[in-house]
Amino acid sequence: MNGKDESSMKFKAFLDRHGHRGLKEIDVAILQWGEDPIKVIKFLKGILATDLTESPVKKPTIEELIGQLKTELTPMKKRLLKFSFP
């Protein structure tokens, strides 16, 4: 917070602009980012430590999900299920 380098200045500007925000920001008992900047730093470190080269988890199609059901479905029930989910 006392640094004079560019990253420190940008962090201070971020807190000036967004310091009123935070996790569970509606809860007045929880300190916001401006009151506890260490929370922001830990959050950013967590993001930076995330391996973004991993491919995202493939979302199964409705047909795949229906195929995994252990209950036998009539063709009509399968059609109804397909239309029940976007």
N, C-alpha and C. Protein backbone atom coordinates (compact mmCIF):
# COMPACT_ATOMS: atom_id res chain seq x y z
N MET A 1 0.81 -1.19 0.00
CA MET A 1 0.00 0.00 0.00
C MET A 1 0.86 1.26 0.00
N ASN A 2 2.11 1.13 0.43
CA ASN A 2 2.98 2.30 0.49
C ASN A 2 3.92 2.38 -0.70
N GLY A 3 3.82 1.42 -1.62
CA GLY A 3 4.72 1.38 -2.77
C GLY A 3 4.47 2.54 -3.73
N LYS A 4 5.50 2.89 -4.47
CA LYS A 4 5.41 3.98 -5.44
C LYS A 4 5.53 3.47 -6.88
N ASP A 5 5.67 2.13 -7.04
CA ASP A 5 5.79 1.58 -8.39
C ASP A 5 4.41 1.55 -9.06
N GLU A 6 4.42 1.23 -10.34
CA GLU A 6 3.19 1.28 -11.14
C GLU A 6 2.12 0.32 -10.62
N SER A 7 2.53 -0.90 -10.26
CA SER A 7 1.53 -1.87 -9.80
C SER A 7 0.89 -1.42 -8.49
N SER A 8 1.67 -0.82 -7.59
CA SER A 8 1.11 -0.30 -6.34
C SER A 8 0.12 0.82 -6.60
N MET A 9 0.46 1.70 -7.51
CA MET A 9 -0.42 2.82 -7.84
C MET A 9 -1.73 2.31 -8.46
N LYS A 10 -1.61 1.31 -9.34
CA LYS A 10 -2.82 0.76 -9.96
C LYS A 10 -3.68 0.04 -8.93
N PHE A 11 -3.04 -0.65 -7.99
CA PHE A 11 -3.79 -1.34 -6.94
C PHE A 11 -4.53 -0.34 -6.07
N LYS A 12 -3.87 0.76 -5.71
CA LYS A 12 -4.52 1.81 -4.92
C LYS A 12 -5.69 2.42 -5.69
N ALA A 13 -5.51 2.64 -6.99
CA ALA A 13 -6.59 3.19 -7.82
C ALA A 13 -7.76 2.21 -7.88
N PHE A 14 -7.45 0.91 -7.97
CA PHE A 14 -8.50 -0.11 -7.97
C PHE A 14 -9.29 -0.06 -6.67
N LEU A 15 -8.58 0.02 -5.54
CA LEU A 15 -9.26 0.07 -4.25
C LEU A 15 -10.07 1.36 -4.08
N ASP A 16 -9.56 2.47 -4.62
CA ASP A 16 -10.32 3.72 -4.55
C ASP A 16 -11.64 3.58 -5.30
N ARG A 17 -11.58 2.88 -6.41
CA ARG A 17 -12.77 2.74 -7.25
C ARG A 17 -13.69 1.62 -6.79
N HIS A 18 -13.11 0.49 -6.35
CA HIS A 18 -13.91 -0.71 -6.05
C HIS A 18 -13.77 -1.19 -4.61
N GLY A 19 -13.16 -0.42 -3.74
CA GLY A 19 -12.92 -0.85 -2.37
C GLY A 19 -14.17 -1.08 -1.55
N HIS A 20 -15.29 -0.54 -2.01
CA HIS A 20 -16.55 -0.76 -1.30
C HIS A 20 -17.14 -2.13 -1.59
N ARG A 21 -16.54 -2.86 -2.53
CA ARG A 21 -17.04 -4.18 -2.91
C ARG A 21 -16.34 -5.25 -2.09
N GLY A 22 -16.80 -6.48 -2.23
CA GLY A 22 -16.16 -7.60 -1.57
C GLY A 22 -17.04 -8.82 -1.55
N LEU A 23 -16.48 -9.89 -1.03
CA LEU A 23 -17.21 -11.14 -0.90
C LEU A 23 -18.31 -10.93 0.14
N LYS A 24 -19.51 -11.34 -0.17
CA LYS A 24 -20.66 -11.14 0.72
C LYS A 24 -20.81 -9.66 1.06
N GLU A 25 -20.73 -8.80 0.06
CA GLU A 25 -20.68 -7.36 0.30
C GLU A 25 -21.93 -6.79 0.96
N ILE A 26 -23.01 -7.51 0.93
CA ILE A 26 -24.23 -7.02 1.57
C ILE A 26 -24.15 -7.19 3.10
N ASP A 27 -23.37 -8.15 3.54
CA ASP A 27 -23.22 -8.42 4.96
C ASP A 27 -22.32 -7.35 5.59
N VAL A 28 -22.88 -6.52 6.46
CA VAL A 28 -22.10 -5.43 7.05
C VAL A 28 -21.05 -5.91 8.03
N ALA A 29 -21.12 -7.15 8.47
CA ALA A 29 -20.12 -7.68 9.39
C ALA A 29 -18.85 -8.12 8.67
N ILE A 30 -18.91 -8.27 7.34
CA ILE A 30 -17.75 -8.70 6.56
C ILE A 30 -16.98 -7.48 6.08
N LEU A 31 -15.67 -7.48 6.27
CA LEU A 31 -14.85 -6.37 5.79
C LEU A 31 -14.81 -6.35 4.26
N GLN A 32 -14.91 -5.18 3.70
CA GLN A 32 -14.86 -5.02 2.24
C GLN A 32 -13.41 -4.90 1.79
N TRP A 33 -13.18 -4.91 0.48
CA TRP A 33 -11.82 -4.90 -0.07
C TRP A 33 -11.02 -3.70 0.42
N GLY A 34 -11.63 -2.53 0.48
CA GLY A 34 -10.91 -1.35 0.93
C GLY A 34 -10.51 -1.41 2.39
N GLU A 35 -11.28 -2.15 3.18
CA GLU A 35 -10.98 -2.30 4.60
C GLU A 35 -9.97 -3.40 4.86
N ASP A 36 -9.90 -4.38 3.97
CA ASP A 36 -8.99 -5.52 4.11
C ASP A 36 -8.43 -5.90 2.74
N PRO A 37 -7.46 -5.11 2.23
CA PRO A 37 -6.94 -5.36 0.88
C PRO A 37 -6.23 -6.71 0.71
N ILE A 38 -5.84 -7.34 1.80
CA ILE A 38 -5.18 -8.65 1.71
C ILE A 38 -6.11 -9.67 1.05
N LYS A 39 -7.42 -9.54 1.27
CA LYS A 39 -8.38 -10.45 0.65
C LYS A 39 -8.31 -10.37 -0.88
N VAL A 40 -8.14 -9.15 -1.39
CA VAL A 40 -8.05 -8.97 -2.85
C VAL A 40 -6.77 -9.62 -3.36
N ILE A 41 -5.68 -9.42 -2.65
CA ILE A 41 -4.39 -9.98 -3.07
C ILE A 41 -4.46 -11.51 -3.09
N LYS A 42 -5.05 -12.11 -2.05
CA LYS A 42 -5.18 -13.57 -2.01
C LYS A 42 -6.06 -14.07 -3.15
N PHE A 43 -7.13 -13.33 -3.43
CA PHE A 43 -8.02 -13.69 -4.53
C PHE A 43 -7.28 -13.65 -5.86
N LEU A 44 -6.52 -12.58 -6.09
CA LEU A 44 -5.76 -12.45 -7.35
C LEU A 44 -4.69 -13.52 -7.47
N LYS A 45 -4.03 -13.84 -6.38
CA LYS A 45 -3.02 -14.91 -6.40
C LYS A 45 -3.65 -16.25 -6.78
N GLY A 46 -4.85 -16.49 -6.27
CA GLY A 46 -5.56 -17.72 -6.61
C GLY A 46 -5.88 -17.79 -8.08
N ILE A 47 -6.31 -16.67 -8.65
CA ILE A 47 -6.61 -16.64 -10.08
C ILE A 47 -5.35 -16.88 -10.90
N LEU A 48 -4.26 -16.22 -10.50
CA LEU A 48 -3.02 -16.36 -11.25
C LEU A 48 -2.43 -17.76 -11.15
N ALA A 49 -2.73 -18.46 -10.07
CA ALA A 49 -2.21 -19.82 -9.89
C ALA A 49 -3.03 -20.84 -10.66
N THR A 50 -4.18 -20.45 -11.18
CA THR A 50 -5.04 -21.36 -11.91
C THR A 50 -4.43 -21.66 -13.28
N ASP A 51 -4.44 -22.93 -13.63
CA ASP A 51 -3.92 -23.35 -14.93
C ASP A 51 -5.01 -23.13 -15.98
N LEU A 52 -4.85 -22.07 -16.77
CA LEU A 52 -5.86 -21.75 -17.77
C LEU A 52 -5.67 -22.54 -19.06
N THR A 53 -4.63 -23.36 -19.13
CA THR A 53 -4.41 -24.15 -20.34
C THR A 53 -5.28 -25.40 -20.36
N GLU A 54 -5.84 -25.75 -19.19
CA GLU A 54 -6.71 -26.92 -19.15
C GLU A 54 -7.97 -26.63 -19.96
N SER A 55 -8.42 -27.63 -20.66
CA SER A 55 -9.65 -27.43 -21.42
C SER A 55 -10.83 -27.45 -20.45
N PRO A 56 -11.82 -26.64 -20.71
CA PRO A 56 -12.98 -26.62 -19.81
C PRO A 56 -13.71 -27.96 -19.83
N VAL A 57 -14.41 -28.22 -18.76
CA VAL A 57 -15.18 -29.47 -18.65
C VAL A 57 -16.27 -29.46 -19.70
N LYS A 58 -16.38 -30.56 -20.43
CA LYS A 58 -17.38 -30.66 -21.49
C LYS A 58 -18.74 -30.86 -20.84
N LYS A 59 -19.67 -30.01 -21.22
CA LYS A 59 -21.04 -30.12 -20.71
C LYS A 59 -21.75 -31.21 -21.52
N PRO A 60 -22.30 -32.21 -20.82
CA PRO A 60 -22.97 -33.29 -21.56
C PRO A 60 -24.26 -32.79 -22.21
N THR A 61 -24.60 -33.40 -23.32
CA THR A 61 -25.84 -33.05 -24.01
C THR A 61 -27.00 -33.72 -23.27
N ILE A 62 -28.20 -33.26 -23.54
CA ILE A 62 -29.39 -33.84 -22.91
C ILE A 62 -29.54 -35.30 -23.31
N GLU A 63 -29.15 -35.62 -24.55
CA GLU A 63 -29.23 -37.01 -25.00
C GLU A 63 -28.28 -37.90 -24.20
N GLU A 64 -27.07 -37.39 -23.92
CA GLU A 64 -26.12 -38.17 -23.13
C GLU A 64 -26.64 -38.38 -21.71
N LEU A 65 -27.22 -37.34 -21.14
CA LEU A 65 -27.76 -37.46 -19.79
C LEU A 65 -28.91 -38.45 -19.73
N ILE A 66 -29.80 -38.38 -20.70
CA ILE A 66 -30.92 -39.32 -20.75
C ILE A 66 -30.41 -40.74 -20.90
N GLY A 67 -29.37 -40.91 -21.71
CA GLY A 67 -28.78 -42.23 -21.91
C GLY A 67 -28.17 -42.82 -20.65
N GLN A 68 -27.79 -41.96 -19.72
CA GLN A 68 -27.17 -42.43 -18.47
C GLN A 68 -28.19 -42.76 -17.39
N LEU A 69 -29.46 -42.46 -17.63
CA LEU A 69 -30.49 -42.76 -16.63
C LEU A 69 -30.63 -44.26 -16.46
N LYS A 70 -30.89 -44.66 -15.24
CA LYS A 70 -31.05 -46.08 -14.96
C LYS A 70 -32.50 -46.53 -15.13
N THR A 71 -33.39 -45.57 -15.31
CA THR A 71 -34.80 -45.87 -15.49
C THR A 71 -35.11 -45.92 -16.98
N GLU A 72 -35.86 -46.90 -17.38
CA GLU A 72 -36.27 -46.99 -18.78
C GLU A 72 -37.33 -45.92 -19.05
N LEU A 73 -37.16 -45.22 -20.14
CA LEU A 73 -38.11 -44.18 -20.52
C LEU A 73 -38.76 -44.52 -21.85
N THR A 74 -40.01 -44.21 -21.93
CA THR A 74 -40.69 -44.38 -23.21
C THR A 74 -40.21 -43.28 -24.14
N PRO A 75 -40.34 -43.47 -25.44
CA PRO A 75 -39.93 -42.41 -26.37
C PRO A 75 -40.62 -41.07 -26.07
N MET A 76 -41.89 -41.13 -25.65
CA MET A 76 -42.62 -39.90 -25.34
C MET A 76 -42.00 -39.18 -24.14
N LYS A 77 -41.63 -39.94 -23.09
CA LYS A 77 -41.01 -39.34 -21.91
C LYS A 77 -39.63 -38.75 -22.26
N LYS A 78 -38.89 -39.41 -23.15
CA LYS A 78 -37.60 -38.87 -23.58
C LYS A 78 -37.79 -37.53 -24.29
N ARG A 79 -38.80 -37.45 -25.16
CA ARG A 79 -39.08 -36.20 -25.87
C ARG A 79 -39.46 -35.10 -24.89
N LEU A 80 -40.28 -35.46 -23.91
CA LEU A 80 -40.69 -34.47 -22.90
C LEU A 80 -39.48 -33.97 -22.11
N LEU A 81 -38.59 -34.87 -21.76
CA LEU A 81 -37.38 -34.46 -21.04
C LEU A 81 -36.52 -33.51 -21.88
N LYS A 82 -36.37 -33.81 -23.15
CA LYS A 82 -35.57 -32.96 -24.03
C LYS A 82 -36.13 -31.55 -24.10
N PHE A 83 -37.43 -31.43 -24.11
CA PHE A 83 -38.05 -30.10 -24.19
C PHE A 83 -38.12 -29.40 -22.83
N SER A 84 -37.87 -30.15 -21.77
CA SER A 84 -37.92 -29.56 -20.42
C SER A 84 -36.67 -28.77 -20.09
N PHE A 85 -35.59 -29.07 -20.78
CA PHE A 85 -34.31 -28.42 -20.48
C PHE A 85 -33.84 -27.61 -21.69
N PRO A 86 -33.38 -26.39 -21.40
CA PRO A 86 -32.91 -25.55 -22.54
C PRO A 86 -31.62 -26.04 -23.14
